[in-house]
Amino acid sequence: MKIKNVFASIPEDLDHEFFELLLHNDKVKIERIVSMGHTSPDSGWHDQEGDEWVLVLQGAAIICFENNGDVCLGAGDHITITAHTKHRVKWTDPEIKTIWLTMHF
């Protein structure tokens, strides 16, 4: 058994958002995402087949929902996004790294 730390091995260069798959099986996928001023592409909305649970461990973000407006998330905040709820990341803190955990199920 190997112990890992979710705050370790965060890249210094964040020209692009950083995604790391932490766990994956046929029922669940858990990712660590690191953002710093990154947003979703303007090309459209996320419209996922399954539910997604999102936790902000550090930093801050705004998620925009197509039919329900904006939700501001800070360190410790979490939200469940049900399947086919169209959403996008509107803003992440440009001054500090926002570290997310996401679970798709």
PDB file of N, CA and C in Angstrom:
ATOM      1  N   MET A   1       0.851  -1.165   0.000  1.00  0.00           N
ATOM      2  CA  MET A   1       0.000   0.000   0.000  1.00  0.00           C
ATOM      3  C   MET A   1       0.903   1.236   0.000  1.00  0.00           C
ATOM      4  N   LYS A   2       0.620   2.164  -0.907  1.00  0.00           N
ATOM      5  CA  LYS A   2       1.422   3.373  -1.021  1.00  0.00           C
ATOM      6  C   LYS A   2       0.574   4.579  -0.631  1.00  0.00           C
ATOM      7  N   ILE A   3       1.082   5.379   0.288  1.00  0.00           N
ATOM      8  CA  ILE A   3       0.379   6.589   0.705  1.00  0.00           C
ATOM      9  C   ILE A   3       0.747   7.715  -0.248  1.00  0.00           C
ATOM     10  N   LYS A   4      -0.277   8.446  -0.700  1.00  0.00           N
ATOM     11  CA  LYS A   4      -0.079   9.607  -1.562  1.00  0.00           C
ATOM     12  C   LYS A   4      -0.749  10.800  -0.902  1.00  0.00           C
ATOM     13  N   ASN A   5      -0.337  12.004  -1.300  1.00  0.00           N
ATOM     14  CA  ASN A   5      -0.900  13.229  -0.741  1.00  0.00           C
ATOM     15  C   ASN A   5      -1.476  14.075  -1.862  1.00  0.00           C
ATOM     16  N   VAL A   6      -2.712  14.485  -1.726  1.00  0.00           N
ATOM     17  CA  VAL A   6      -3.406  15.230  -2.774  1.00  0.00           C
ATOM     18  C   VAL A   6      -2.787  16.612  -3.015  1.00  0.00           C
ATOM     19  N   PHE A   7      -2.010  17.119  -2.056  1.00  0.00           N
ATOM     20  CA  PHE A   7      -1.356  18.417  -2.210  1.00  0.00           C
ATOM     21  C   PHE A   7       0.077  18.298  -2.731  1.00  0.00           C
ATOM     22  N   ALA A   8       0.548  17.086  -2.956  1.00  0.00           N
ATOM     23  CA  ALA A   8       1.919  16.874  -3.426  1.00  0.00           C
ATOM     24  C   ALA A   8       1.975  16.821  -4.950  1.00  0.00           C
ATOM     25  N   SER A   9       3.149  17.068  -5.488  1.00  0.00           N
ATOM     26  CA  SER A   9       3.430  16.925  -6.927  1.00  0.00           C
ATOM     27  C   SER A   9       2.503  17.781  -7.796  1.00  0.00           C
ATOM     28  N   ILE A  10       2.280  18.997  -7.360  1.00  0.00           N
ATOM     29  CA  ILE A  10       1.482  19.931  -8.155  1.00  0.00           C
ATOM     30  C   ILE A  10       2.439  20.680  -9.068  1.00  0.00           C
ATOM     31  N   PRO A  11       2.175  20.673 -10.368  1.00  0.00           N
ATOM     32  CA  PRO A  11       3.094  21.337 -11.293  1.00  0.00           C
ATOM     33  C   PRO A  11       3.176  22.845 -11.041  1.00  0.00           C
ATOM     34  N   GLU A  12       4.375  23.386 -11.207  1.00  0.00           N
ATOM     35  CA  GLU A  12       4.569  24.834 -11.098  1.00  0.00           C
ATOM     36  C   GLU A  12       3.998  25.535 -12.326  1.00  0.00           C
ATOM     37  N   ASP A  13       4.245  24.957 -13.494  1.00  0.00           N
ATOM     38  CA  ASP A  13       3.799  25.541 -14.757  1.00  0.00           C
ATOM     39  C   ASP A  13       2.362  25.120 -15.021  1.00  0.00           C
ATOM     40  N   LEU A  14       1.471  26.083 -14.988  1.00  0.00           N
ATOM     41  CA  LEU A  14       0.058  25.777 -15.215  1.00  0.00           C
ATOM     42  C   LEU A  14      -0.473  26.569 -16.411  1.00  0.00           C
ATOM     43  N   ASP A  15       0.254  26.478 -17.527  1.00  0.00           N
ATOM     44  CA  ASP A  15      -0.243  27.097 -18.756  1.00  0.00           C
ATOM     45  C   ASP A  15      -1.595  26.495 -19.136  1.00  0.00           C
ATOM     46  N   HIS A  16      -1.768  25.226 -18.776  1.00  0.00           N
ATOM     47  CA  HIS A  16      -3.027  24.516 -19.012  1.00  0.00           C
ATOM     48  C   HIS A  16      -3.481  23.920 -17.694  1.00  0.00           C
ATOM     49  N   GLU A  17      -4.764  23.716 -17.572  1.00  0.00           N
ATOM     50  CA  GLU A  17      -5.305  23.052 -16.397  1.00  0.00           C
ATOM     51  C   GLU A  17      -4.684  21.657 -16.284  1.00  0.00           C
ATOM     52  N   PHE A  18      -4.417  21.219 -15.057  1.00  0.00           N
ATOM     53  CA  PHE A  18      -3.771  19.929 -14.807  1.00  0.00           C
ATOM     54  C   PHE A  18      -4.810  18.926 -14.316  1.00  0.00           C
ATOM     55  N   PHE A  19      -4.883  17.777 -14.990  1.00  0.00           N
ATOM     56  CA  PHE A  19      -5.795  16.697 -14.625  1.00  0.00           C
ATOM     57  C   PHE A  19      -4.981  15.471 -14.254  1.00  0.00           C
ATOM     58  N   GLU A  20      -5.345  14.825 -13.135  1.00  0.00           N
ATOM     59  CA  GLU A  20      -4.679  13.590 -12.726  1.00  0.00           C
ATOM     60  C   GLU A  20      -5.733  12.582 -12.276  1.00  0.00           C
ATOM     61  N   LEU A  21      -5.746  11.440 -12.925  1.00  0.00           N
ATOM     62  CA  LEU A  21      -6.653  10.363 -12.564  1.00  0.00           C
ATOM     63  C   LEU A  21      -6.119   9.681 -11.305  1.00  0.00           C
ATOM     64  N   LEU A  22      -6.902   9.689 -10.242  1.00  0.00           N
ATOM     65  CA  LEU A  22      -6.483   9.086  -8.980  1.00  0.00           C
ATOM     66  C   LEU A  22      -7.018   7.675  -8.802  1.00  0.00           C
ATOM     67  N   LEU A  23      -8.235   7.431  -9.294  1.00  0.00           N
ATOM     68  CA  LEU A  23      -8.856   6.120  -9.143  1.00  0.00           C
ATOM     69  C   LEU A  23      -9.884   5.952 -10.248  1.00  0.00           C
ATOM     70  N   HIS A  24      -9.954   4.746 -10.786  1.00  0.00           N
ATOM     71  CA  HIS A  24     -10.913   4.497 -11.858  1.00  0.00           C
ATOM     72  C   HIS A  24     -11.303   3.031 -11.845  1.00  0.00           C
ATOM     73  N   ASN A  25     -12.597   2.776 -11.916  1.00  0.00           N
ATOM     74  CA  ASN A  25     -13.086   1.421 -12.156  1.00  0.00           C
ATOM     75  C   ASN A  25     -14.370   1.546 -12.972  1.00  0.00           C
ATOM     76  N   ASP A  26     -15.120   0.479 -13.091  1.00  0.00           N
ATOM     77  CA  ASP A  26     -16.306   0.528 -13.949  1.00  0.00           C
ATOM     78  C   ASP A  26     -17.478   1.318 -13.345  1.00  0.00           C
ATOM     79  N   LYS A  27     -17.358   1.752 -12.077  1.00  0.00           N
ATOM     80  CA  LYS A  27     -18.445   2.478 -11.433  1.00  0.00           C
ATOM     81  C   LYS A  27     -18.101   3.907 -11.039  1.00  0.00           C
ATOM     82  N   VAL A  28     -16.816   4.207 -10.877  1.00  0.00           N
ATOM     83  CA  VAL A  28     -16.423   5.520 -10.368  1.00  0.00           C
ATOM     84  C   VAL A  28     -15.088   5.961 -10.964  1.00  0.00           C
ATOM     85  N   LYS A  29     -14.949   7.268 -11.132  1.00  0.00           N
ATOM     86  CA  LYS A  29     -13.681   7.858 -11.558  1.00  0.00           C
ATOM     87  C   LYS A  29     -13.427   9.064 -10.663  1.00  0.00           C
ATOM     88  N   ILE A  30     -12.247   9.105 -10.032  1.00  0.00           N
ATOM     89  CA  ILE A  30     -11.873  10.227  -9.168  1.00  0.00           C
ATOM     90  C   ILE A  30     -10.652  10.904  -9.779  1.00  0.00           C
ATOM     91  N   GLU A  31     -10.750  12.230  -9.938  1.00  0.00           N
ATOM     92  CA  GLU A  31      -9.670  13.016 -10.515  1.00  0.00           C
ATOM     93  C   GLU A  31      -9.280  14.151  -9.579  1.00  0.00           C
ATOM     94  N   ARG A  32      -8.010  14.530  -9.672  1.00  0.00           N
ATOM     95  CA  ARG A  32      -7.543  15.770  -9.068  1.00  0.00           C
ATOM     96  C   ARG A  32      -7.345  16.745 -10.220  1.00  0.00           C
ATOM     97  N   ILE A  33      -7.876  17.941 -10.077  1.00  0.00           N
ATOM     98  CA  ILE A  33      -7.726  18.979 -11.088  1.00  0.00           C
ATOM     99  C   ILE A  33      -7.096  20.186 -10.410  1.00  0.00           C
ATOM    100  N   VAL A  34      -6.126  20.798 -11.090  1.00  0.00           N
ATOM    101  CA  VAL A  34      -5.511  22.020 -10.577  1.00  0.00           C
ATOM    102  C   VAL A  34      -5.717  23.114 -11.618  1.00  0.00           C
ATOM    103  N   SER A  35      -6.328  24.208 -11.184  1.00  0.00           N
ATOM    104  CA  SER A  35      -6.622  25.352 -12.045  1.00  0.00           C
ATOM    105  C   SER A  35      -5.978  26.594 -11.447  1.00  0.00           C
ATOM    106  N   MET A  36      -5.664  27.543 -12.301  1.00  0.00           N
ATOM    107  CA  MET A  36      -5.176  28.845 -11.831  1.00  0.00           C
ATOM    108  C   MET A  36      -5.570  29.874 -12.881  1.00  0.00           C
ATOM    109  N   GLY A  37      -6.790  30.384 -12.739  1.00  0.00           N
ATOM    110  CA  GLY A  37      -7.317  31.317 -13.717  1.00  0.00           C
ATOM    111  C   GLY A  37      -7.928  30.634 -14.929  1.00  0.00           C
ATOM    112  N   HIS A  38      -7.999  29.318 -14.925  1.00  0.00           N
ATOM    113  CA  HIS A  38      -8.558  28.580 -16.059  1.00  0.00           C
ATOM    114  C   HIS A  38     -10.084  28.555 -16.004  1.00  0.00           C
ATOM    115  N   THR A  39     -10.686  28.460 -17.179  1.00  0.00           N
ATOM    116  CA  THR A  39     -12.137  28.350 -17.309  1.00  0.00           C
ATOM    117  C   THR A  39     -12.448  27.271 -18.341  1.00  0.00           C
ATOM    118  N   SER A  40     -13.715  26.911 -18.427  1.00  0.00           N
ATOM    119  CA  SER A  40     -14.138  25.982 -19.479  1.00  0.00           C
ATOM    120  C   SER A  40     -14.021  26.676 -20.829  1.00  0.00           C
ATOM    121  N   PRO A  41     -13.786  25.911 -21.880  1.00  0.00           N
ATOM    122  CA  PRO A  41     -13.760  26.517 -23.220  1.00  0.00           C
ATOM    123  C   PRO A  41     -15.095  27.181 -23.543  1.00  0.00           C
ATOM    124  N   ASP A  42     -15.038  28.229 -24.324  1.00  0.00           N
ATOM    125  CA  ASP A  42     -16.252  28.945 -24.716  1.00  0.00           C
ATOM    126  C   ASP A  42     -17.109  28.149 -25.692  1.00  0.00           C
ATOM    127  N   SER A  43     -16.606  27.012 -26.158  1.00  0.00           N
ATOM    128  CA  SER A  43     -17.272  26.254 -27.215  1.00  0.00           C
ATOM    129  C   SER A  43     -18.556  25.560 -26.783  1.00  0.00           C
ATOM    130  N   GLY A  44     -18.817  25.494 -25.493  1.00  0.00           N
ATOM    131  CA  GLY A  44     -20.056  24.838 -25.106  1.00  0.00           C
ATOM    132  C   GLY A  44     -20.104  24.459 -23.646  1.00  0.00           C
ATOM    133  N   TRP A  45     -21.146  23.722 -23.309  1.00  0.00           N
ATOM    134  CA  TRP A  45     -21.414  23.301 -21.936  1.00  0.00           C
ATOM    135  C   TRP A  45     -20.959  21.870 -21.721  1.00  0.00           C
ATOM    136  N   HIS A  46     -20.554  21.553 -20.485  1.00  0.00           N
ATOM    137  CA  HIS A  46     -20.356  20.152 -20.104  1.00  0.00           C
ATOM    138  C   HIS A  46     -21.747  19.546 -19.956  1.00  0.00           C
ATOM    139  N   ASP A  47     -21.955  18.400 -20.567  1.00  0.00           N
ATOM    140  CA  ASP A  47     -23.230  17.683 -20.486  1.00  0.00           C
ATOM    141  C   ASP A  47     -22.881  16.210 -20.341  1.00  0.00           C
ATOM    142  N   GLN A  48     -22.726  15.770 -19.099  1.00  0.00           N
ATOM    143  CA  GLN A  48     -22.160  14.467 -18.804  1.00  0.00           C
ATOM    144  C   GLN A  48     -23.223  13.390 -18.645  1.00  0.00           C
ATOM    145  N   GLU A  49     -22.855  12.176 -19.011  1.00  0.00           N
ATOM    146  CA  GLU A  49     -23.750  11.018 -18.932  1.00  0.00           C
ATOM    147  C   GLU A  49     -24.059  10.611 -17.496  1.00  0.00           C
ATOM    148  N   GLY A  50     -23.115  10.817 -16.581  1.00  0.00           N
ATOM    149  CA  GLY A  50     -23.307  10.399 -15.195  1.00  0.00           C
ATOM    150  C   GLY A  50     -23.269  11.578 -14.241  1.00  0.00           C
ATOM    151  N   ASP A  51     -23.494  11.299 -12.970  1.00  0.00           N
ATOM    152  CA  ASP A  51     -23.422  12.321 -11.937  1.00  0.00           C
ATOM    153  C   ASP A  51     -21.965  12.640 -11.626  1.00  0.00           C
ATOM    154  N   GLU A  52     -21.742  13.862 -11.111  1.00  0.00           N
ATOM    155  CA  GLU A  52     -20.386  14.286 -10.729  1.00  0.00           C
ATOM    156  C   GLU A  52     -20.459  15.002  -9.387  1.00  0.00           C
ATOM    157  N   TRP A  53     -19.574  14.602  -8.487  1.00  0.00           N
ATOM    158  CA  TRP A  53     -19.416  15.284  -7.204  1.00  0.00           C
ATOM    159  C   TRP A  53     -18.127  16.074  -7.283  1.00  0.00           C
ATOM    160  N   VAL A  54     -18.169  17.342  -6.877  1.00  0.00           N
ATOM    161  CA  VAL A  54     -17.017  18.239  -6.979  1.00  0.00           C
ATOM    162  C   VAL A  54     -16.728  18.817  -5.607  1.00  0.00           C
ATOM    163  N   LEU A  55     -15.448  18.778  -5.194  1.00  0.00           N
ATOM    164  CA  LEU A  55     -14.997  19.347  -3.924  1.00  0.00           C
ATOM    165  C   LEU A  55     -13.821  20.266  -4.212  1.00  0.00           C
ATOM    166  N   VAL A  56     -13.887  21.506  -3.714  1.00  0.00           N
ATOM    167  CA  VAL A  56     -12.757  22.426  -3.809  1.00  0.00           C
ATOM    168  C   VAL A  56     -11.958  22.292  -2.514  1.00  0.00           C
ATOM    169  N   LEU A  57     -10.701  21.860  -2.643  1.00  0.00           N
ATOM    170  CA  LEU A  57      -9.835  21.704  -1.473  1.00  0.00           C
ATOM    171  C   LEU A  57      -9.097  22.991  -1.141  1.00  0.00           C
ATOM    172  N   GLN A  58      -8.770  23.756  -2.170  1.00  0.00           N
ATOM    173  CA  GLN A  58      -8.003  24.993  -2.016  1.00  0.00           C
ATOM    174  C   GLN A  58      -8.398  25.929  -3.150  1.00  0.00           C
ATOM    175  N   GLY A  59      -8.412  27.224  -2.883  1.00  0.00           N
ATOM    176  CA  GLY A  59      -8.721  28.182  -3.929  1.00  0.00           C
ATOM    177  C   GLY A  59     -10.205  28.477  -4.003  1.00  0.00           C
ATOM    178  N   ALA A  60     -10.632  28.940  -5.180  1.00  0.00           N
ATOM    179  CA  ALA A  60     -12.032  29.317  -5.373  1.00  0.00           C
ATOM    180  C   ALA A  60     -12.392  29.200  -6.844  1.00  0.00           C
ATOM    181  N   ALA A  61     -13.691  29.009  -7.086  1.00  0.00           N
ATOM    182  CA  ALA A  61     -14.171  28.849  -8.457  1.00  0.00           C
ATOM    183  C   ALA A  61     -15.635  29.263  -8.534  1.00  0.00           C
ATOM    184  N   ILE A  62     -16.062  29.549  -9.749  1.00  0.00           N
ATOM    185  CA  ILE A  62     -17.480  29.790 -10.025  1.00  0.00           C
ATOM    186  C   ILE A  62     -17.894  28.812 -11.123  1.00  0.00           C
ATOM    187  N   ILE A  63     -18.923  28.028 -10.825  1.00  0.00           N
ATOM    188  CA  ILE A  63     -19.504  27.140 -11.831  1.00  0.00           C
ATOM    189  C   ILE A  63     -20.822  27.765 -12.272  1.00  0.00           C
ATOM    190  N   CYS A  64     -20.985  27.878 -13.576  1.00  0.00           N
ATOM    191  CA  CYS A  64     -22.198  28.452 -14.158  1.00  0.00           C
ATOM    192  C   CYS A  64     -23.068  27.306 -14.671  1.00  0.00           C
ATOM    193  N   PHE A  65     -24.338  27.324 -14.289  1.00  0.00           N
ATOM    194  CA  PHE A  65     -25.284  26.324 -14.736  1.00  0.00           C
ATOM    195  C   PHE A  65     -26.228  26.956 -15.751  1.00  0.00           C
ATOM    196  N   GLU A  66     -26.505  26.240 -16.823  1.00  0.00           N
ATOM    197  CA  GLU A  66     -27.310  26.781 -17.911  1.00  0.00           C
ATOM    198  C   GLU A  66     -28.660  27.317 -17.429  1.00  0.00           C
ATOM    199  N   ASN A  67     -29.309  26.601 -16.534  1.00  0.00           N
ATOM    200  CA  ASN A  67     -30.655  26.994 -16.107  1.00  0.00           C
ATOM    201  C   ASN A  67     -30.742  27.516 -14.676  1.00  0.00           C
ATOM    202  N   ASN A  68     -29.610  27.514 -13.936  1.00  0.00           N
ATOM    203  CA  ASN A  68     -29.675  27.887 -12.522  1.00  0.00           C
ATOM    204  C   ASN A  68     -28.659  28.934 -12.101  1.00  0.00           C
ATOM    205  N   GLY A  69     -28.020  29.607 -13.024  1.00  0.00           N
ATOM    206  CA  GLY A  69     -27.090  30.668 -12.663  1.00  0.00           C
ATOM    207  C   GLY A  69     -25.765  30.168 -12.130  1.00  0.00           C
ATOM    208  N   ASP A  70     -25.086  31.030 -11.377  1.00  0.00           N
ATOM    209  CA  ASP A  70     -23.733  30.768 -10.902  1.00  0.00           C
ATOM    210  C   ASP A  70     -23.723  30.241  -9.480  1.00  0.00           C
ATOM    211  N   VAL A  71     -22.745  29.373  -9.203  1.00  0.00           N
ATOM    212  CA  VAL A  71     -22.501  28.862  -7.860  1.00  0.00           C
ATOM    213  C   VAL A  71     -21.038  29.139  -7.541  1.00  0.00           C
ATOM    214  N   CYS A  72     -20.794  29.857  -6.436  1.00  0.00           N
ATOM    215  CA  CYS A  72     -19.430  30.161  -6.000  1.00  0.00           C
ATOM    216  C   CYS A  72     -18.986  29.084  -5.013  1.00  0.00           C
ATOM    217  N   LEU A  73     -17.793  28.556  -5.238  1.00  0.00           N
ATOM    218  CA  LEU A  73     -17.235  27.517  -4.378  1.00  0.00           C
ATOM    219  C   LEU A  73     -15.899  27.980  -3.820  1.00  0.00           C
ATOM    220  N   GLY A  74     -15.695  27.779  -2.532  1.00  0.00           N
ATOM    221  CA  GLY A  74     -14.431  28.064  -1.874  1.00  0.00           C
ATOM    222  C   GLY A  74     -13.903  26.794  -1.228  1.00  0.00           C
ATOM    223  N   ALA A  75     -12.771  26.906  -0.572  1.00  0.00           N
ATOM    224  CA  ALA A  75     -12.142  25.745   0.066  1.00  0.00           C
ATOM    225  C   ALA A  75     -13.125  25.051   1.004  1.00  0.00           C
ATOM    226  N   GLY A  76     -13.304  23.761   0.809  1.00  0.00           N
ATOM    227  CA  GLY A  76     -14.207  22.956   1.625  1.00  0.00           C
ATOM    228  C   GLY A  76     -15.606  22.805   1.055  1.00  0.00           C
ATOM    229  N   ASP A  77     -15.955  23.625   0.073  1.00  0.00           N
ATOM    230  CA  ASP A  77     -17.291  23.536  -0.518  1.00  0.00           C
ATOM    231  C   ASP A  77     -17.368  22.380  -1.509  1.00  0.00           C
ATOM    232  N   HIS A  78     -18.522  21.712  -1.532  1.00  0.00           N
ATOM    233  CA  HIS A  78     -18.725  20.640  -2.506  1.00  0.00           C
ATOM    234  C   HIS A  78     -20.145  20.686  -3.029  1.00  0.00           C
ATOM    235  N   ILE A  79     -20.327  20.120  -4.212  1.00  0.00           N
ATOM    236  CA  ILE A  79     -21.614  20.142  -4.892  1.00  0.00           C
ATOM    237  C   ILE A  79     -21.748  18.863  -5.720  1.00  0.00           C
ATOM    238  N   THR A  80     -22.968  18.372  -5.854  1.00  0.00           N
ATOM    239  CA  THR A  80     -23.238  17.251  -6.737  1.00  0.00           C
ATOM    240  C   THR A  80     -23.965  17.789  -7.962  1.00  0.00           C
ATOM    241  N   ILE A  81     -23.432  17.451  -9.131  1.00  0.00           N
ATOM    242  CA  ILE A  81     -24.016  17.868 -10.402  1.00  0.00           C
ATOM    243  C   ILE A  81     -24.625  16.626 -11.033  1.00  0.00           C
ATOM    244  N   THR A  82     -25.930  16.615 -11.154  1.00  0.00           N
ATOM    245  CA  THR A  82     -26.601  15.433 -11.694  1.00  0.00           C
ATOM    246  C   THR A  82     -26.378  15.320 -13.205  1.00  0.00           C
ATOM    247  N   ALA A  83     -26.509  14.112 -13.698  1.00  0.00           N
ATOM    248  CA  ALA A  83     -26.306  13.834 -15.122  1.00  0.00           C
ATOM    249  C   ALA A  83     -27.133  14.784 -15.982  1.00  0.00           C
ATOM    250  N   HIS A  84     -26.538  15.201 -17.066  1.00  0.00           N
ATOM    251  CA  HIS A  84     -27.162  16.069 -18.072  1.00  0.00           C
ATOM    252  C   HIS A  84     -27.548  17.456 -17.551  1.00  0.00           C
ATOM    253  N   THR A  85     -26.936  17.885 -16.453  1.00  0.00           N
ATOM    254  CA  THR A  85     -27.088  19.269 -15.997  1.00  0.00           C
ATOM    255  C   THR A  85     -25.975  20.065 -16.667  1.00  0.00           C
ATOM    256  N   LYS A  86     -26.338  20.892 -17.609  1.00  0.00           N
ATOM    257  CA  LYS A  86     -25.334  21.627 -18.378  1.00  0.00           C
ATOM    258  C   LYS A  86     -24.667  22.682 -17.499  1.00  0.00           C
ATOM    259  N   HIS A  87     -23.307  22.650 -17.515  1.00  0.00           N
ATOM    260  CA  HIS A  87     -22.538  23.546 -16.665  1.00  0.00           C
ATOM    261  C   HIS A  87     -21.173  23.826 -17.291  1.00  0.00           C
ATOM    262  N   ARG A  88     -20.531  24.852 -16.774  1.00  0.00           N
ATOM    263  CA  ARG A  88     -19.172  25.187 -17.195  1.00  0.00           C
ATOM    264  C   ARG A  88     -18.471  25.915 -16.060  1.00  0.00           C
ATOM    265  N   VAL A  89     -17.145  25.866 -16.057  1.00  0.00           N
ATOM    266  CA  VAL A  89     -16.371  26.622 -15.085  1.00  0.00           C
ATOM    267  C   VAL A  89     -16.220  28.033 -15.639  1.00  0.00           C
ATOM    268  N   LYS A  90     -16.815  28.978 -14.944  1.00  0.00           N
ATOM    269  CA  LYS A  90     -16.821  30.374 -15.384  1.00  0.00           C
ATOM    270  C   LYS A  90     -15.569  31.125 -14.919  1.00  0.00           C
ATOM    271  N   TRP A  91     -15.022  30.738 -13.749  1.00  0.00           N
ATOM    272  CA  TRP A  91     -13.892  31.459 -13.165  1.00  0.00           C
ATOM    273  C   TRP A  91     -13.175  30.577 -12.167  1.00  0.00           C
ATOM    274  N   THR A  92     -11.855  30.657 -12.142  1.00  0.00           N
ATOM    275  CA  THR A  92     -11.054  30.119 -11.043  1.00  0.00           C
ATOM    276  C   THR A  92     -10.064  31.196 -10.638  1.00  0.00           C
ATOM    277  N   ASP A  93      -9.672  31.184  -9.394  1.00  0.00           N
ATOM    278  CA  ASP A  93      -8.800  32.213  -8.837  1.00  0.00           C
ATOM    279  C   ASP A  93      -7.501  32.298  -9.637  1.00  0.00           C
ATOM    280  N   PRO A  94      -7.162  33.470 -10.160  1.00  0.00           N
ATOM    281  CA  PRO A  94      -5.927  33.605 -10.935  1.00  0.00           C
ATOM    282  C   PRO A  94      -4.691  33.790 -10.069  1.00  0.00           C
ATOM    283  N   GLU A  95      -4.882  34.015  -8.763  1.00  0.00           N
ATOM    284  CA  GLU A  95      -3.761  34.311  -7.865  1.00  0.00           C
ATOM    285  C   GLU A  95      -3.219  33.081  -7.134  1.00  0.00           C
ATOM    286  N   ILE A  96      -4.098  32.122  -6.850  1.00  0.00           N
ATOM    287  CA  ILE A  96      -3.656  30.893  -6.176  1.00  0.00           C
ATOM    288  C   ILE A  96      -4.219  29.689  -6.914  1.00  0.00           C
ATOM    289  N   LYS A  97      -3.574  28.575  -6.735  1.00  0.00           N
ATOM    290  CA  LYS A  97      -4.016  27.349  -7.401  1.00  0.00           C
ATOM    291  C   LYS A  97      -5.299  26.850  -6.748  1.00  0.00           C
ATOM    292  N   THR A  98      -6.280  26.548  -7.584  1.00  0.00           N
ATOM    293  CA  THR A  98      -7.509  25.919  -7.111  1.00  0.00           C
ATOM    294  C   THR A  98      -7.345  24.416  -7.320  1.00  0.00           C
ATOM    295  N   ILE A  99      -7.451  23.682  -6.222  1.00  0.00           N
ATOM    296  CA  ILE A  99      -7.300  22.224  -6.267  1.00  0.00           C
ATOM    297  C   ILE A  99      -8.677  21.611  -6.035  1.00  0.00           C
ATOM    298  N   TRP A 100      -9.109  20.847  -7.023  1.00  0.00           N
ATOM    299  CA  TRP A 100     -10.420  20.195  -7.003  1.00  0.00           C
ATOM    300  C   TRP A 100     -10.243  18.680  -6.868  1.00  0.00           C
ATOM    301  N   LEU A 101     -11.213  18.035  -6.264  1.00  0.00           N
ATOM    302  CA  LEU A 101     -11.399  16.604  -6.390  1.00  0.00           C
ATOM    303  C   LEU A 101     -12.744  16.421  -7.061  1.00  0.00           C
ATOM    304  N   THR A 102     -12.792  15.595  -8.095  1.00  0.00           N
ATOM    305  CA  THR A 102     -14.057  15.297  -8.744  1.00  0.00           C
ATOM    306  C   THR A 102     -14.266  13.784  -8.750  1.00  0.00           C
ATOM    307  N   MET A 103     -15.496  13.400  -8.531  1.00  0.00           N
ATOM    308  CA  MET A 103     -15.855  11.988  -8.580  1.00  0.00           C
ATOM    309  C   MET A 103     -17.020  11.850  -9.562  1.00  0.00           C
ATOM    310  N   HIS A 104     -16.803  11.072 -10.602  1.00  0.00           N
ATOM    311  CA  HIS A 104     -17.842  10.768 -11.584  1.00  0.00           C
ATOM    312  C   HIS A 104     -18.393   9.382 -11.243  1.00  0.00           C
ATOM    313  N   PHE A 105     -19.723   9.298 -11.164  1.00  0.00           N
ATOM    314  CA  PHE A 105     -20.332   8.010 -10.797  1.00  0.00           C
ATOM    315  C   PHE A 105     -21.667   7.844 -11.487  1.00  0.00           C
TER     316      PHE A 105
END
